[in-house]
Amino acid sequence: QVQLVESGGGLVQPGGSLRLSCAASGIIFSIYAMGWYRQAPGKQRELVAVITSDGSTNYADSVKGRFTISRDNDKNTVYLQMNSLKPEDTAVYYCNADGSAVGLTVYWGQGTQVTVSS
């Protein structure tokens, strides 16, 4: 059974930082591209950042220079370090495991709420 379990969300003031974690089980983690997506109320889910199996990264323009995605294949975990948070970063953040490049399934976590407010 595949599980993606996010943690690290919460309430933070503008300018603050949070680190999200996503622990994966039931997949060969190292061969999956891992990503973070977010969905704000009334908006579509959007890509925040992705890290491929070989460590290449890509970011949404809105988070470049503020967010950093990383992965630890020994711990089957992907991280999203979020700095200089803004109110517009408020959303539910979802972890994504994408095996489509190697003919495997895409999986989603349940999401973790991030609220940036004073």
Protein backbone atom coordinates (compact mmCIF):
# COMPACT_ATOMS: atom_id res chain seq x y z
CA GLN A 1 0.00 0.00 0.00
CA VAL A 2 1.40 3.35 -1.05
CA GLN A 3 1.36 6.16 1.47
CA LEU A 4 2.58 9.74 1.24
CA VAL A 5 2.38 11.43 4.63
CA GLU A 6 2.95 15.17 4.80
CA SER A 7 3.90 17.05 7.94
CA GLY A 8 5.23 20.43 8.99
CA GLY A 9 2.37 22.70 8.05
CA GLY A 10 0.94 25.31 10.37
CA LEU A 11 0.41 28.98 11.05
CA VAL A 12 3.32 31.36 10.48
CA GLN A 13 3.70 35.12 10.29
CA PRO A 14 4.64 36.84 7.04
CA GLY A 15 8.38 36.63 6.53
CA GLY A 16 8.62 33.42 8.52
CA SER A 17 9.74 29.95 7.55
CA LEU A 18 8.37 26.43 7.56
CA ARG A 19 9.74 23.10 6.42
CA LEU A 20 7.36 20.55 5.01
CA SER A 21 8.21 16.86 4.94
CA CYS A 22 6.65 14.03 2.98
CA ALA A 23 7.47 10.48 3.99
CA ALA A 24 6.78 7.87 1.33
CA SER A 25 6.20 4.17 1.74
CA GLY A 26 5.19 1.39 -0.60
CA ILE A 27 7.13 2.73 -3.60
CA ILE A 28 10.70 2.55 -4.85
CA PHE A 29 11.22 6.13 -3.79
CA SER A 30 14.48 6.75 -5.63
CA ILE A 31 12.98 6.28 -9.10
CA TYR A 32 10.07 8.67 -8.60
CA ALA A 33 10.01 12.36 -9.33
CA MET A 34 8.71 14.04 -6.18
CA GLY A 35 6.81 17.26 -6.11
CA TRP A 36 4.92 19.72 -3.99
CA TYR A 37 1.70 21.26 -5.18
CA ARG A 38 -0.65 23.67 -3.45
CA GLN A 39 -4.28 24.64 -3.65
CA ALA A 40 -5.67 27.84 -2.21
CA PRO A 41 -9.40 28.30 -1.59
CA GLY A 42 -11.24 28.86 -4.85
CA LYS A 43 -8.16 28.21 -6.96
CA GLN A 44 -6.82 25.31 -8.96
CA ARG A 45 -4.05 23.11 -7.66
CA GLU A 46 -0.70 24.38 -8.89
CA LEU A 47 2.84 23.09 -9.02
CA VAL A 48 5.17 24.58 -6.42
CA ALA A 49 8.35 22.58 -6.92
CA VAL A 50 9.53 19.26 -8.29
CA ILE A 51 12.71 17.23 -7.91
CA THR A 52 13.46 14.42 -10.32
CA SER A 53 15.05 11.08 -9.56
CA ASP A 54 18.43 12.48 -10.59
CA GLY A 55 18.06 15.55 -8.39
CA SER A 56 17.10 18.16 -10.97
CA THR A 57 14.72 20.77 -9.61
CA ASN A 58 12.10 23.11 -10.99
CA TYR A 59 10.10 25.82 -9.25
CA ALA A 60 7.07 27.95 -9.85
CA ASP A 61 8.11 31.53 -10.59
CA SER A 62 6.21 32.71 -7.53
CA VAL A 63 8.44 30.75 -5.14
CA LYS A 64 11.84 30.93 -6.84
CA GLY A 65 14.51 32.16 -4.46
CA ARG A 66 12.30 31.54 -1.41
CA PHE A 67 11.50 27.80 -1.48
CA THR A 68 13.90 24.87 -1.77
CA ILE A 69 12.94 21.29 -2.52
CA SER A 70 15.21 18.42 -1.56
CA ARG A 71 15.04 14.68 -1.15
CA ASP A 72 16.67 12.04 1.03
CA ASN A 73 16.46 8.69 -0.74
CA ASP A 74 17.75 6.86 2.34
CA LYS A 75 14.78 8.16 4.35
CA ASN A 76 12.25 8.03 1.49
CA THR A 77 11.43 11.63 2.27
CA VAL A 78 11.07 14.83 0.27
CA TYR A 79 11.27 18.26 1.89
CA LEU A 80 10.13 21.75 1.05
CA GLN A 81 11.94 24.51 2.87
CA MET A 82 9.83 27.66 2.67
CA ASN A 83 11.38 30.99 3.61
CA SER A 84 10.14 34.58 3.40
CA LEU A 85 6.58 33.35 3.44
CA LYS A 86 3.84 35.62 2.16
CA PRO A 87 0.08 35.60 2.80
CA GLU A 88 -0.41 34.47 -0.79
CA ASP A 89 1.48 31.26 0.05
CA THR A 90 -1.50 30.23 2.19
CA ALA A 91 -2.84 26.95 0.82
CA VAL A 92 -3.09 23.24 1.36
CA TYR A 93 0.21 21.75 0.25
CA TYR A 94 0.19 18.30 -1.34
CA CYS A 95 3.03 15.87 -1.85
CA ASN A 96 3.17 14.12 -5.22
CA ALA A 97 5.06 11.02 -6.34
CA ASP A 98 5.20 10.81 -10.11
CA GLY A 99 6.37 7.56 -11.64
CA SER A 100 4.97 8.26 -15.12
CA ALA A 101 8.42 8.70 -16.64
CA VAL A 102 9.05 5.02 -16.00
CA GLY A 103 5.52 3.81 -16.63
CA LEU A 104 4.37 3.88 -13.04
CA THR A 105 1.47 5.53 -11.22
CA VAL A 106 1.16 9.04 -9.82
CA TYR A 107 0.34 9.22 -6.13
CA TRP A 108 -0.86 12.05 -3.88
CA GLY A 109 -0.69 12.74 -0.19
CA GLN A 110 -3.59 14.02 1.89
CA GLY A 111 -2.22 17.53 2.19
CA THR A 112 -1.06 19.81 4.96
CA GLN A 113 -2.37 23.30 5.65
CA VAL A 114 -0.02 26.26 5.53
CA THR A 115 -1.41 29.58 6.72
CA VAL A 116 0.62 32.78 6.52
CA SER A 117 -1.00 35.50 8.56
CA SER A 118 -0.21 38.10 11.17
